[in-house]
PDB file of N, CA and C in Angstrom:
ATOM      1  N   MET A   1      26.335  26.556  30.903  1.00  0.00           N
ATOM      2  CA  MET A   1      27.184  26.352  32.066  1.00  0.00           C
ATOM      3  C   MET A   1      27.685  27.714  32.530  1.00  0.00           C
ATOM      4  N   ASP A   2      27.499  27.990  33.809  1.00  0.00           N
ATOM      5  CA  ASP A   2      27.987  29.235  34.386  1.00  0.00           C
ATOM      6  C   ASP A   2      29.319  28.938  35.074  1.00  0.00           C
ATOM      7  N   ARG A   3      30.392  29.206  34.389  1.00  0.00           N
ATOM      8  CA  ARG A   3      31.722  28.852  34.897  1.00  0.00           C
ATOM      9  C   ARG A   3      32.067  29.560  36.203  1.00  0.00           C
ATOM     10  N   GLN A   4      31.681  30.827  36.319  1.00  0.00           N
ATOM     11  CA  GLN A   4      32.031  31.564  37.534  1.00  0.00           C
ATOM     12  C   GLN A   4      31.266  31.041  38.746  1.00  0.00           C
ATOM     13  N   GLU A   5      29.983  30.753  38.580  1.00  0.00           N
ATOM     14  CA  GLU A   5      29.214  30.185  39.688  1.00  0.00           C
ATOM     15  C   GLU A   5      29.748  28.805  40.076  1.00  0.00           C
ATOM     16  N   LEU A   6      30.103  28.010  39.080  1.00  0.00           N
ATOM     17  CA  LEU A   6      30.687  26.700  39.350  1.00  0.00           C
ATOM     18  C   LEU A   6      31.992  26.856  40.122  1.00  0.00           C
ATOM     19  N   ALA A   7      32.835  27.778  39.706  1.00  0.00           N
ATOM     20  CA  ALA A   7      34.110  28.023  40.380  1.00  0.00           C
ATOM     21  C   ALA A   7      33.882  28.454  41.827  1.00  0.00           C
ATOM     22  N   ASP A   8      32.949  29.373  42.036  1.00  0.00           N
ATOM     23  CA  ASP A   8      32.664  29.851  43.399  1.00  0.00           C
ATOM     24  C   ASP A   8      32.130  28.728  44.278  1.00  0.00           C
ATOM     25  N   PHE A   9      31.263  27.889  43.709  1.00  0.00           N
ATOM     26  CA  PHE A   9      30.693  26.776  44.467  1.00  0.00           C
ATOM     27  C   PHE A   9      31.787  25.789  44.874  1.00  0.00           C
ATOM     28  N   LEU A  10      32.645  25.418  43.933  1.00  0.00           N
ATOM     29  CA  LEU A  10      33.729  24.481  44.244  1.00  0.00           C
ATOM     30  C   LEU A  10      34.645  25.046  45.328  1.00  0.00           C
ATOM     31  N   ARG A  11      35.004  26.299  45.196  1.00  0.00           N
ATOM     32  CA  ARG A  11      35.898  26.934  46.170  1.00  0.00           C
ATOM     33  C   ARG A  11      35.264  26.941  47.562  1.00  0.00           C
ATOM     34  N   SER A  12      33.980  27.303  47.640  1.00  0.00           N
ATOM     35  CA  SER A  12      33.313  27.365  48.943  1.00  0.00           C
ATOM     36  C   SER A  12      33.237  25.986  49.596  1.00  0.00           C
ATOM     37  N   ARG A  13      33.021  24.946  48.806  1.00  0.00           N
ATOM     38  CA  ARG A  13      32.939  23.589  49.373  1.00  0.00           C
ATOM     39  C   ARG A  13      34.320  23.072  49.756  1.00  0.00           C
ATOM     40  N   ARG A  14      35.323  23.436  49.000  1.00  0.00           N
ATOM     41  CA  ARG A  14      36.703  23.012  49.320  1.00  0.00           C
ATOM     42  C   ARG A  14      37.155  23.630  50.642  1.00  0.00           C
ATOM     43  N   GLU A  15      36.799  24.884  50.863  1.00  0.00           N
ATOM     44  CA  GLU A  15      37.255  25.600  52.052  1.00  0.00           C
ATOM     45  C   GLU A  15      36.621  25.104  53.342  1.00  0.00           C
ATOM     46  N   ARG A  16      35.517  24.413  53.262  1.00  0.00           N
ATOM     47  CA  ARG A  16      34.850  23.965  54.486  1.00  0.00           C
ATOM     48  C   ARG A  16      35.316  22.586  54.970  1.00  0.00           C
ATOM     49  N   ILE A  17      36.182  21.923  54.197  1.00  0.00           N
ATOM     50  CA  ILE A  17      36.642  20.577  54.572  1.00  0.00           C
ATOM     51  C   ILE A  17      38.071  20.661  55.100  1.00  0.00           C
ATOM     52  N   ALA A  18      38.269  20.167  56.299  1.00  0.00           N
ATOM     53  CA  ALA A  18      39.611  20.123  56.883  1.00  0.00           C
ATOM     54  C   ALA A  18      40.337  18.876  56.379  1.00  0.00           C
ATOM     55  N   PRO A  19      41.657  18.947  56.250  1.00  0.00           N
ATOM     56  CA  PRO A  19      42.406  17.767  55.791  1.00  0.00           C
ATOM     57  C   PRO A  19      42.132  16.527  56.644  1.00  0.00           C
ATOM     58  N   ALA A  20      42.017  16.714  57.942  1.00  0.00           N
ATOM     59  CA  ALA A  20      41.769  15.575  58.828  1.00  0.00           C
ATOM     60  C   ALA A  20      40.418  14.920  58.532  1.00  0.00           C
ATOM     61  N   ASP A  21      39.465  15.694  58.005  1.00  0.00           N
ATOM     62  CA  ASP A  21      38.133  15.151  57.685  1.00  0.00           C
ATOM     63  C   ASP A  21      38.189  14.072  56.613  1.00  0.00           C
ATOM     64  N   VAL A  22      39.200  14.129  55.753  1.00  0.00           N
ATOM     65  CA  VAL A  22      39.309  13.162  54.655  1.00  0.00           C
ATOM     66  C   VAL A  22      40.530  12.256  54.804  1.00  0.00           C
ATOM     67  N   GLY A  23      41.107  12.255  55.992  1.00  0.00           N
ATOM     68  CA  GLY A  23      42.221  11.350  56.260  1.00  0.00           C
ATOM     69  C   GLY A  23      43.575  11.835  55.772  1.00  0.00           C
ATOM     70  N   LEU A  24      43.709  13.132  55.490  1.00  0.00           N
ATOM     71  CA  LEU A  24      44.997  13.675  55.063  1.00  0.00           C
ATOM     72  C   LEU A  24      45.700  14.313  56.249  1.00  0.00           C
ATOM     73  N   PRO A  25      47.039  14.266  56.265  1.00  0.00           N
ATOM     74  CA  PRO A  25      47.750  14.916  57.360  1.00  0.00           C
ATOM     75  C   PRO A  25      47.576  16.437  57.276  1.00  0.00           C
ATOM     76  N   VAL A  26      47.517  17.070  58.434  1.00  0.00           N
ATOM     77  CA  VAL A  26      47.332  18.519  58.476  1.00  0.00           C
ATOM     78  C   VAL A  26      48.549  19.221  57.899  1.00  0.00           C
ATOM     79  N   GLY A  27      49.734  18.760  58.227  1.00  0.00           N
ATOM     80  CA  GLY A  27      50.962  19.299  57.643  1.00  0.00           C
ATOM     81  C   GLY A  27      51.279  20.710  58.093  1.00  0.00           C
ATOM     82  N   PRO A  28      52.127  21.397  57.311  1.00  0.00           N
ATOM     83  CA  PRO A  28      52.554  22.738  57.694  1.00  0.00           C
ATOM     84  C   PRO A  28      51.419  23.763  57.577  1.00  0.00           C
ATOM     85  N   ARG A  29      51.746  24.971  57.942  1.00  0.00           N
ATOM     86  CA  ARG A  29      50.767  26.064  57.941  1.00  0.00           C
ATOM     87  C   ARG A  29      50.108  26.196  56.567  1.00  0.00           C
ATOM     88  N   ARG A  30      48.837  26.489  56.585  1.00  0.00           N
ATOM     89  CA  ARG A  30      48.072  26.631  55.348  1.00  0.00           C
ATOM     90  C   ARG A  30      47.687  28.094  55.161  1.00  0.00           C
ATOM     91  N   ARG A  31      47.750  28.549  53.913  1.00  0.00           N
ATOM     92  CA  ARG A  31      47.396  29.935  53.612  1.00  0.00           C
ATOM     93  C   ARG A  31      45.896  30.125  53.443  1.00  0.00           C
ATOM     94  N   THR A  32      45.193  29.032  53.222  1.00  0.00           N
ATOM     95  CA  THR A  32      43.749  29.108  52.992  1.00  0.00           C
ATOM     96  C   THR A  32      43.046  28.068  53.860  1.00  0.00           C
ATOM     97  N   PRO A  33      41.828  28.334  54.285  1.00  0.00           N
ATOM     98  CA  PRO A  33      41.115  27.317  55.063  1.00  0.00           C
ATOM     99  C   PRO A  33      40.764  26.116  54.203  1.00  0.00           C
ATOM    100  N   GLY A  34      40.632  24.989  54.820  1.00  0.00           N
ATOM    101  CA  GLY A  34      40.200  23.790  54.114  1.00  0.00           C
ATOM    102  C   GLY A  34      41.292  23.103  53.338  1.00  0.00           C
ATOM    103  N   LEU A  35      40.860  22.353  52.337  1.00  0.00           N
ATOM    104  CA  LEU A  35      41.785  21.573  51.520  1.00  0.00           C
ATOM    105  C   LEU A  35      42.484  22.454  50.488  1.00  0.00           C
ATOM    106  N   ARG A  36      43.642  22.005  50.078  1.00  0.00           N
ATOM    107  CA  ARG A  36      44.334  22.643  48.947  1.00  0.00           C
ATOM    108  C   ARG A  36      43.719  22.105  47.658  1.00  0.00           C
ATOM    109  N   ARG A  37      43.887  22.853  46.594  1.00  0.00           N
ATOM    110  CA  ARG A  37      43.369  22.400  45.295  1.00  0.00           C
ATOM    111  C   ARG A  37      43.947  21.053  44.909  1.00  0.00           C
ATOM    112  N   GLU A  38      45.239  20.875  45.156  1.00  0.00           N
ATOM    113  CA  GLU A  38      45.896  19.616  44.786  1.00  0.00           C
ATOM    114  C   GLU A  38      45.297  18.444  45.546  1.00  0.00           C
ATOM    115  N   GLU A  39      44.889  18.689  46.787  1.00  0.00           N
ATOM    116  CA  GLU A  39      44.301  17.608  47.586  1.00  0.00           C
ATOM    117  C   GLU A  39      42.918  17.227  47.056  1.00  0.00           C
ATOM    118  N   VAL A  40      42.136  18.211  46.668  1.00  0.00           N
ATOM    119  CA  VAL A  40      40.817  17.912  46.089  1.00  0.00           C
ATOM    120  C   VAL A  40      40.994  17.132  44.789  1.00  0.00           C
ATOM    121  N   ALA A  41      41.932  17.569  43.970  1.00  0.00           N
ATOM    122  CA  ALA A  41      42.183  16.874  42.701  1.00  0.00           C
ATOM    123  C   ALA A  41      42.593  15.426  42.948  1.00  0.00           C
ATOM    124  N   GLN A  42      43.439  15.215  43.927  1.00  0.00           N
ATOM    125  CA  GLN A  42      43.886  13.859  44.250  1.00  0.00           C
ATOM    126  C   GLN A  42      42.701  13.003  44.701  1.00  0.00           C
ATOM    127  N   LEU A  43      41.855  13.548  45.545  1.00  0.00           N
ATOM    128  CA  LEU A  43      40.696  12.802  46.046  1.00  0.00           C
ATOM    129  C   LEU A  43      39.660  12.542  44.953  1.00  0.00           C
ATOM    130  N   ALA A  44      39.583  13.443  43.970  1.00  0.00           N
ATOM    131  CA  ALA A  44      38.604  13.307  42.884  1.00  0.00           C
ATOM    132  C   ALA A  44      39.168  12.541  41.693  1.00  0.00           C
ATOM    133  N   TYR A  45      40.439  12.170  41.749  1.00  0.00           N
ATOM    134  CA  TYR A  45      41.104  11.447  40.654  1.00  0.00           C
ATOM    135  C   TYR A  45      41.121  12.255  39.357  1.00  0.00           C
ATOM    136  N   ILE A  46      41.416  13.555  39.484  1.00  0.00           N
ATOM    137  CA  ILE A  46      41.595  14.407  38.310  1.00  0.00           C
ATOM    138  C   ILE A  46      42.923  15.143  38.463  1.00  0.00           C
ATOM    139  N   SER A  47      43.390  15.759  37.413  1.00  0.00           N
ATOM    140  CA  SER A  47      44.675  16.452  37.494  1.00  0.00           C
ATOM    141  C   SER A  47      44.525  17.757  38.273  1.00  0.00           C
ATOM    142  N   PRO A  48      45.553  18.114  39.020  1.00  0.00           N
ATOM    143  CA  PRO A  48      45.514  19.391  39.757  1.00  0.00           C
ATOM    144  C   PRO A  48      45.350  20.594  38.828  1.00  0.00           C
ATOM    145  N   GLU A  49      45.924  20.512  37.641  1.00  0.00           N
ATOM    146  CA  GLU A  49      45.806  21.616  36.689  1.00  0.00           C
ATOM    147  C   GLU A  49      44.353  21.797  36.239  1.00  0.00           C
ATOM    148  N   TYR A  50      43.679  20.692  35.971  1.00  0.00           N
ATOM    149  CA  TYR A  50      42.282  20.783  35.542  1.00  0.00           C
ATOM    150  C   TYR A  50      41.412  21.337  36.667  1.00  0.00           C
ATOM    151  N   TYR A  51      41.633  20.863  37.894  1.00  0.00           N
ATOM    152  CA  TYR A  51      40.843  21.375  39.009  1.00  0.00           C
ATOM    153  C   TYR A  51      41.097  22.866  39.204  1.00  0.00           C
ATOM    154  N   ALA A  52      42.346  23.291  39.096  1.00  0.00           N
ATOM    155  CA  ALA A  52      42.665  24.718  39.235  1.00  0.00           C
ATOM    156  C   ALA A  52      41.925  25.527  38.167  1.00  0.00           C
ATOM    157  N   ARG A  53      41.882  25.019  36.943  1.00  0.00           N
ATOM    158  CA  ARG A  53      41.160  25.724  35.876  1.00  0.00           C
ATOM    159  C   ARG A  53      39.664  25.787  36.167  1.00  0.00           C
ATOM    160  N   LEU A  54      39.106  24.725  36.769  1.00  0.00           N
ATOM    161  CA  LEU A  54      37.694  24.753  37.148  1.00  0.00           C
ATOM    162  C   LEU A  54      37.430  25.876  38.152  1.00  0.00           C
ATOM    163  N   GLU A  55      38.304  25.995  39.148  1.00  0.00           N
ATOM    164  CA  GLU A  55      38.126  27.036  40.164  1.00  0.00           C
ATOM    165  C   GLU A  55      38.442  28.433  39.637  1.00  0.00           C
ATOM    166  N   GLN A  56      39.147  28.513  38.558  1.00  0.00           N
ATOM    167  CA  GLN A  56      39.462  29.810  37.954  1.00  0.00           C
ATOM    168  C   GLN A  56      38.483  30.155  36.831  1.00  0.00           C
ATOM    169  N   ALA A  57      37.469  29.338  36.657  1.00  0.00           N
ATOM    170  CA  ALA A  57      36.435  29.532  35.633  1.00  0.00           C
ATOM    171  C   ALA A  57      37.029  29.536  34.225  1.00  0.00           C
ATOM    172  N   ARG A  58      38.068  28.709  34.016  1.00  0.00           N
ATOM    173  CA  ARG A  58      38.718  28.639  32.701  1.00  0.00           C
ATOM    174  C   ARG A  58      38.636  27.251  32.078  1.00  0.00           C
ATOM    175  N   ALA A  59      38.018  26.311  32.746  1.00  0.00           N
ATOM    176  CA  ALA A  59      38.020  24.925  32.269  1.00  0.00           C
ATOM    177  C   ALA A  59      36.858  24.662  31.323  1.00  0.00           C
ATOM    178  N   PRO A  60      37.027  23.671  30.444  1.00  0.00           N
ATOM    179  CA  PRO A  60      35.904  23.265  29.594  1.00  0.00           C
ATOM    180  C   PRO A  60      34.843  22.546  30.430  1.00  0.00           C
ATOM    181  N   HIS A  61      33.782  22.199  29.792  1.00  0.00           N
ATOM    182  CA  HIS A  61      32.649  21.513  30.423  1.00  0.00           C
ATOM    183  C   HIS A  61      33.102  20.220  31.115  1.00  0.00           C
ATOM    184  N   PRO A  62      32.913  20.073  32.445  1.00  0.00           N
ATOM    185  CA  PRO A  62      33.317  18.826  33.117  1.00  0.00           C
ATOM    186  C   PRO A  62      32.362  17.684  32.796  1.00  0.00           C
ATOM    187  N   SER A  63      32.900  16.490  32.723  1.00  0.00           N
ATOM    188  CA  SER A  63      32.092  15.304  32.435  1.00  0.00           C
ATOM    189  C   SER A  63      31.354  14.852  33.692  1.00  0.00           C
ATOM    190  N   ARG A  64      30.432  13.920  33.499  1.00  0.00           N
ATOM    191  CA  ARG A  64      29.727  13.325  34.651  1.00  0.00           C
ATOM    192  C   ARG A  64      30.696  12.649  35.606  1.00  0.00           C
ATOM    193  N   GLU A  65      31.710  11.993  35.040  1.00  0.00           N
ATOM    194  CA  GLU A  65      32.686  11.289  35.882  1.00  0.00           C
ATOM    195  C   GLU A  65      33.470  12.272  36.741  1.00  0.00           C
ATOM    196  N   VAL A  66      33.853  13.401  36.160  1.00  0.00           N
ATOM    197  CA  VAL A  66      34.573  14.429  36.924  1.00  0.00           C
ATOM    198  C   VAL A  66      33.666  14.985  38.012  1.00  0.00           C
ATOM    199  N   LEU A  67      32.418  15.257  37.676  1.00  0.00           N
ATOM    200  CA  LEU A  67      31.481  15.782  38.665  1.00  0.00           C
ATOM    201  C   LEU A  67      31.233  14.777  39.786  1.00  0.00           C
ATOM    202  N   ALA A  68      31.159  13.494  39.446  1.00  0.00           N
ATOM    203  CA  ALA A  68      30.979  12.465  40.476  1.00  0.00           C
ATOM    204  C   ALA A  68      32.197  12.413  41.387  1.00  0.00           C
ATOM    205  N   GLY A  69      33.397  12.504  40.815  1.00  0.00           N
ATOM    206  CA  GLY A  69      34.608  12.512  41.627  1.00  0.00           C
ATOM    207  C   GLY A  69      34.676  13.721  42.540  1.00  0.00           C
ATOM    208  N   LEU A  70      34.290  14.878  42.028  1.00  0.00           N
ATOM    209  CA  LEU A  70      34.284  16.092  42.851  1.00  0.00           C
ATOM    210  C   LEU A  70      33.237  15.998  43.954  1.00  0.00           C
ATOM    211  N   SER A  71      32.073  15.456  43.641  1.00  0.00           N
ATOM    212  CA  SER A  71      31.028  15.284  44.654  1.00  0.00           C
ATOM    213  C   SER A  71      31.511  14.411  45.796  1.00  0.00           C
ATOM    214  N   ARG A  72      32.199  13.342  45.429  1.00  0.00           N
ATOM    215  CA  ARG A  72      32.736  12.415  46.428  1.00  0.00           C
ATOM    216  C   ARG A  72      33.847  13.076  47.230  1.00  0.00           C
ATOM    217  N   ALA A  73      34.774  13.747  46.554  1.00  0.00           N
ATOM    218  CA  ALA A  73      35.923  14.365  47.224  1.00  0.00           C
ATOM    219  C   ALA A  73      35.497  15.491  48.154  1.00  0.00           C
ATOM    220  N   LEU A  74      34.489  16.244  47.748  1.00  0.00           N
ATOM    221  CA  LEU A  74      34.047  17.390  48.544  1.00  0.00           C
ATOM    222  C   LEU A  74      32.936  17.025  49.525  1.00  0.00           C
ATOM    223  N   ARG A  75      32.580  15.743  49.542  1.00  0.00           N
ATOM    224  CA  ARG A  75      31.573  15.225  50.466  1.00  0.00           C
ATOM    225  C   ARG A  75      30.262  16.005  50.369  1.00  0.00           C
ATOM    226  N   LEU A  76      29.776  16.135  49.152  1.00  0.00           N
ATOM    227  CA  LEU A  76      28.567  16.910  48.921  1.00  0.00           C
ATOM    228  C   LEU A  76      27.326  16.128  49.323  1.00  0.00           C
ATOM    229  N   THR A  77      26.338  16.841  49.815  1.00  0.00           N
ATOM    230  CA  THR A  77      25.035  16.238  50.088  1.00  0.00           C
ATOM    231  C   THR A  77      24.340  16.000  48.751  1.00  0.00           C
ATOM    232  N   ASP A  78      23.223  15.294  48.764  1.00  0.00           N
ATOM    233  CA  ASP A  78      22.481  15.055  47.518  1.00  0.00           C
ATOM    234  C   ASP A  78      22.050  16.375  46.884  1.00  0.00           C
ATOM    235  N   ALA A  79      21.582  17.316  47.716  1.00  0.00           N
ATOM    236  CA  ALA A  79      21.150  18.616  47.180  1.00  0.00           C
ATOM    237  C   ALA A  79      22.334  19.367  46.576  1.00  0.00           C
ATOM    238  N   GLU A  80      23.485  19.322  47.233  1.00  0.00           N
ATOM    239  CA  GLU A  80      24.681  19.995  46.706  1.00  0.00           C
ATOM    240  C   GLU A  80      25.158  19.329  45.424  1.00  0.00           C
ATOM    241  N   ARG A  81      25.066  18.008  45.375  1.00  0.00           N
ATOM    242  CA  ARG A  81      25.475  17.274  44.169  1.00  0.00           C
ATOM    243  C   ARG A  81      24.595  17.660  42.991  1.00  0.00           C
ATOM    244  N   HIS A  82      23.290  17.748  43.228  1.00  0.00           N
ATOM    245  CA  HIS A  82      22.377  18.160  42.158  1.00  0.00           C
ATOM    246  C   HIS A  82      22.675  19.594  41.723  1.00  0.00           C
ATOM    247  N   HIS A  83      22.992  20.463  42.690  1.00  0.00           N
ATOM    248  CA  HIS A  83      23.324  21.846  42.358  1.00  0.00           C
ATOM    249  C   HIS A  83      24.605  21.910  41.517  1.00  0.00           C
ATOM    250  N   LEU A  84      25.605  21.109  41.888  1.00  0.00           N
ATOM    251  CA  LEU A  84      26.853  21.057  41.134  1.00  0.00           C
ATOM    252  C   LEU A  84      26.574  20.652  39.687  1.00  0.00           C
ATOM    253  N   HIS A  85      25.779  19.629  39.500  1.00  0.00           N
ATOM    254  CA  HIS A  85      25.433  19.175  38.145  1.00  0.00           C
ATOM    255  C   HIS A  85      24.670  20.257  37.387  1.00  0.00           C
ATOM    256  N   HIS A  86      23.770  20.941  38.079  1.00  0.00           N
ATOM    257  CA  HIS A  86      23.014  22.022  37.457  1.00  0.00           C
ATOM    258  C   HIS A  86      23.946  23.141  36.991  1.00  0.00           C
ATOM    259  N   LEU A  87      24.890  23.526  37.853  1.00  0.00           N
ATOM    260  CA  LEU A  87      25.838  24.578  37.495  1.00  0.00           C
ATOM    261  C   LEU A  87      26.686  24.183  36.284  1.00  0.00           C
ATOM    262  N   ALA A  88      27.017  22.894  36.208  1.00  0.00           N
ATOM    263  CA  ALA A  88      27.855  22.409  35.112  1.00  0.00           C
ATOM    264  C   ALA A  88      27.044  22.135  33.847  1.00  0.00           C
ATOM    265  N   GLY A  89      25.715  22.218  33.950  1.00  0.00           N
ATOM    266  CA  GLY A  89      24.876  21.958  32.779  1.00  0.00           C
ATOM    267  C   GLY A  89      24.829  20.496  32.395  1.00  0.00           C
ATOM    268  N   GLU A  90      25.004  19.637  33.359  1.00  0.00           N
ATOM    269  CA  GLU A  90      25.047  18.190  33.127  1.00  0.00           C
ATOM    270  C   GLU A  90      24.038  17.530  34.057  1.00  0.00           C
ATOM    271  N   PRO A  91      23.051  16.795  33.544  1.00  0.00           N
ATOM    272  CA  PRO A  91      22.099  16.143  34.450  1.00  0.00           C
ATOM    273  C   PRO A  91      22.813  15.132  35.334  1.00  0.00           C
ATOM    274  N   PRO A  92      22.372  15.021  36.587  1.00  0.00           N
ATOM    275  CA  PRO A  92      23.021  14.053  37.480  1.00  0.00           C
ATOM    276  C   PRO A  92      22.876  12.632  36.963  1.00  0.00           C
ATOM    277  N   ALA A  93      23.857  11.831  37.259  1.00  0.00           N
ATOM    278  CA  ALA A  93      23.806  10.413  36.888  1.00  0.00           C
ATOM    279  C   ALA A  93      22.706   9.738  37.686  1.00  0.00           C
ATOM    280  N   PRO A  94      22.131   8.692  37.153  1.00  0.00           N
ATOM    281  CA  PRO A  94      21.116   7.977  37.924  1.00  0.00           C
ATOM    282  C   PRO A  94      21.736   7.393  39.184  1.00  0.00           C
ATOM    283  N   PRO A  95      20.936   7.243  40.228  1.00  0.00           N
ATOM    284  CA  PRO A  95      21.488   6.681  41.460  1.00  0.00           C
ATOM    285  C   PRO A  95      22.024   5.272  41.219  1.00  0.00           C
ATOM    286  N   PRO A  96      23.035   4.870  41.987  1.00  0.00           N
ATOM    287  CA  PRO A  96      23.589   3.524  41.796  1.00  0.00           C
ATOM    288  C   PRO A  96      22.566   2.458  42.176  1.00  0.00           C
ATOM    289  N   GLY A  97      22.720   1.305  41.579  1.00  0.00           N
ATOM    290  CA  GLY A  97      21.835   0.196  41.900  1.00  0.00           C
ATOM    291  C   GLY A  97      20.926  -0.129  40.738  1.00  0.00           C
ATOM    292  N   PRO A  98      20.151  -1.167  40.892  1.00  0.00           N
ATOM    293  CA  PRO A  98      19.269  -1.579  39.810  1.00  0.00           C
ATOM    294  C   PRO A  98      18.146  -0.564  39.595  1.00  0.00           C
ATOM    295  N   SER A  99      17.651  -0.537  38.382  1.00  0.00           N
ATOM    296  CA  SER A  99      16.550   0.351  38.043  1.00  0.00           C
ATOM    297  C   SER A  99      15.301  -0.074  38.798  1.00  0.00           C
ATOM    298  N   ARG A 100      14.500   0.900  39.166  1.00  0.00           N
ATOM    299  CA  ARG A 100      13.250   0.601  39.863  1.00  0.00           C
ATOM    300  C   ARG A 100      12.100   0.392  38.877  1.00  0.00           C
ATOM    301  N   GLU A 101      12.386   0.545  37.597  1.00  0.00           N
ATOM    302  CA  GLU A 101      11.365   0.339  36.578  1.00  0.00           C
ATOM    303  C   GLU A 101      11.412  -1.099  36.091  1.00  0.00           C
ATOM    304  N   VAL A 102      10.224  -1.644  35.849  1.00  0.00           N
ATOM    305  CA  VAL A 102      10.110  -3.021  35.362  1.00  0.00           C
ATOM    306  C   VAL A 102       9.850  -2.972  33.863  1.00  0.00           C
ATOM    307  N   ARG A 103      10.671  -3.717  33.125  1.00  0.00           N
ATOM    308  CA  ARG A 103      10.519  -3.734  31.665  1.00  0.00           C
ATOM    309  C   ARG A 103       9.170  -4.329  31.287  1.00  0.00           C
ATOM    310  N   PRO A 104       8.584  -3.850  30.191  1.00  0.00           N
ATOM    311  CA  PRO A 104       7.289  -4.379  29.741  1.00  0.00           C
ATOM    312  C   PRO A 104       7.324  -5.887  29.495  1.00  0.00           C
ATOM    313  N   SER A 105       8.442  -6.410  29.004  1.00  0.00           N
ATOM    314  CA  SER A 105       8.513  -7.854  28.749  1.00  0.00           C
ATOM    315  C   SER A 105       8.397  -8.654  30.052  1.00  0.00           C
ATOM    316  N   ILE A 106       8.934  -8.136  31.132  1.00  0.00           N
ATOM    317  CA  ILE A 106       8.844  -8.827  32.430  1.00  0.00           C
ATOM    318  C   ILE A 106       7.403  -8.754  32.952  1.00  0.00           C
ATOM    319  N   LEU A 107       6.782  -7.591  32.801  1.00  0.00           N
ATOM    320  CA  LEU A 107       5.380  -7.464  33.222  1.00  0.00           C
ATOM    321  C   LEU A 107       4.492  -8.424  32.447  1.00  0.00           C
ATOM    322  N   ASP A 108       4.751  -8.575  31.138  1.00  0.00           N
ATOM    323  CA  ASP A 108       3.993  -9.498  30.310  1.00  0.00           C
ATOM    324  C   ASP A 108       4.190 -10.933  30.793  1.00  0.00           C
ATOM    325  N   LEU A 109       5.425 -11.281  31.115  1.00  0.00           N
ATOM    326  CA  LEU A 109       5.722 -12.635  31.614  1.00  0.00           C
ATOM    327  C   LEU A 109       4.982 -12.903  32.921  1.00  0.00           C
ATOM    328  N   ILE A 110       4.990 -11.947  33.816  1.00  0.00           N
ATOM    329  CA  ILE A 110       4.299 -12.116  35.097  1.00  0.00           C
ATOM    330  C   ILE A 110       2.803 -12.257  34.874  1.00  0.00           C
ATOM    331  N   GLY A 111       2.282 -11.498  33.918  1.00  0.00           N
ATOM    332  CA  GLY A 111       0.856 -11.569  33.621  1.00  0.00           C
ATOM    333  C   GLY A 111       0.423 -12.913  33.065  1.00  0.00           C
ATOM    334  N   ARG A 112       1.327 -13.639  32.430  1.00  0.00           N
ATOM    335  CA  ARG A 112       0.993 -14.936  31.837  1.00  0.00           C
ATOM    336  C   ARG A 112       1.250 -16.110  32.778  1.00  0.00           C
ATOM    337  N   LEU A 113       1.803 -15.853  33.931  1.00  0.00           N
ATOM    338  CA  LEU A 113       2.051 -16.941  34.882  1.00  0.00           C
ATOM    339  C   LEU A 113       0.736 -17.439  35.470  1.00  0.00           C
ATOM    340  N   PRO A 114       0.617 -18.775  35.615  1.00  0.00           N
ATOM    341  CA  PRO A 114      -0.598 -19.299  36.259  1.00  0.00           C
ATOM    342  C   PRO A 114      -0.510 -19.049  37.774  1.00  0.00           C
ATOM    343  N   TRP A 115      -1.528 -18.423  38.305  1.00  0.00           N
ATOM    344  CA  TRP A 115      -1.553 -18.146  39.740  1.00  0.00           C
ATOM    345  C   TRP A 115      -2.325 -19.237  40.440  1.00  0.00           C
ATOM    346  N   PRO A 116      -1.916 -19.621  41.628  1.00  0.00           N
ATOM    347  CA  PRO A 116      -2.674 -20.655  42.362  1.00  0.00           C
ATOM    348  C   PRO A 116      -4.072 -20.123  42.710  1.00  0.00           C
ATOM    349  N   ARG A 117      -5.026 -21.022  42.604  1.00  0.00           N
ATOM    350  CA  ARG A 117      -6.410 -20.654  42.919  1.00  0.00           C
ATOM    351  C   ARG A 117      -6.611 -20.700  44.413  1.00  0.00           C
ATOM    352  N   ARG A 118      -7.407 -19.763  44.855  1.00  0.00           N
ATOM    353  CA  ARG A 118      -7.746 -19.756  46.301  1.00  0.00           C
ATOM    354  C   ARG A 118      -8.842 -20.761  46.556  1.00  0.00           C
ATOM    355  N   ARG A 119      -8.792 -21.403  47.710  1.00  0.00           N
ATOM    356  CA  ARG A 119      -9.801 -22.402  48.080  1.00  0.00           C
ATOM    357  C   ARG A 119     -10.883 -21.813  48.907  1.00  0.00           C
TER     358      ARG A 119
END
């Protein structure tokens, strides 16, 4: 895991999102472009302290759940999400939904079904 690259990536993605883009009030003057660290943490359902440590390259290895929350909060594309997982040294989670693979037992069952004969 390259902590500094991960930190730089998170910071760059945080800075490109305006508060209004995620339904947050713009509020008073901001010292930095984009979302505040606390806002990203809130959207990702992680603690602000942990997110700050991630951006400071001081945090331990993030879990898949944390990476999924950050991907969602930062509105990452599929390519960016895969890059985030790569930087964190964690393979991306399988896409949601049922598996596209058919178990051998199901294939065997289908193979034993009597098929109607053509006339």
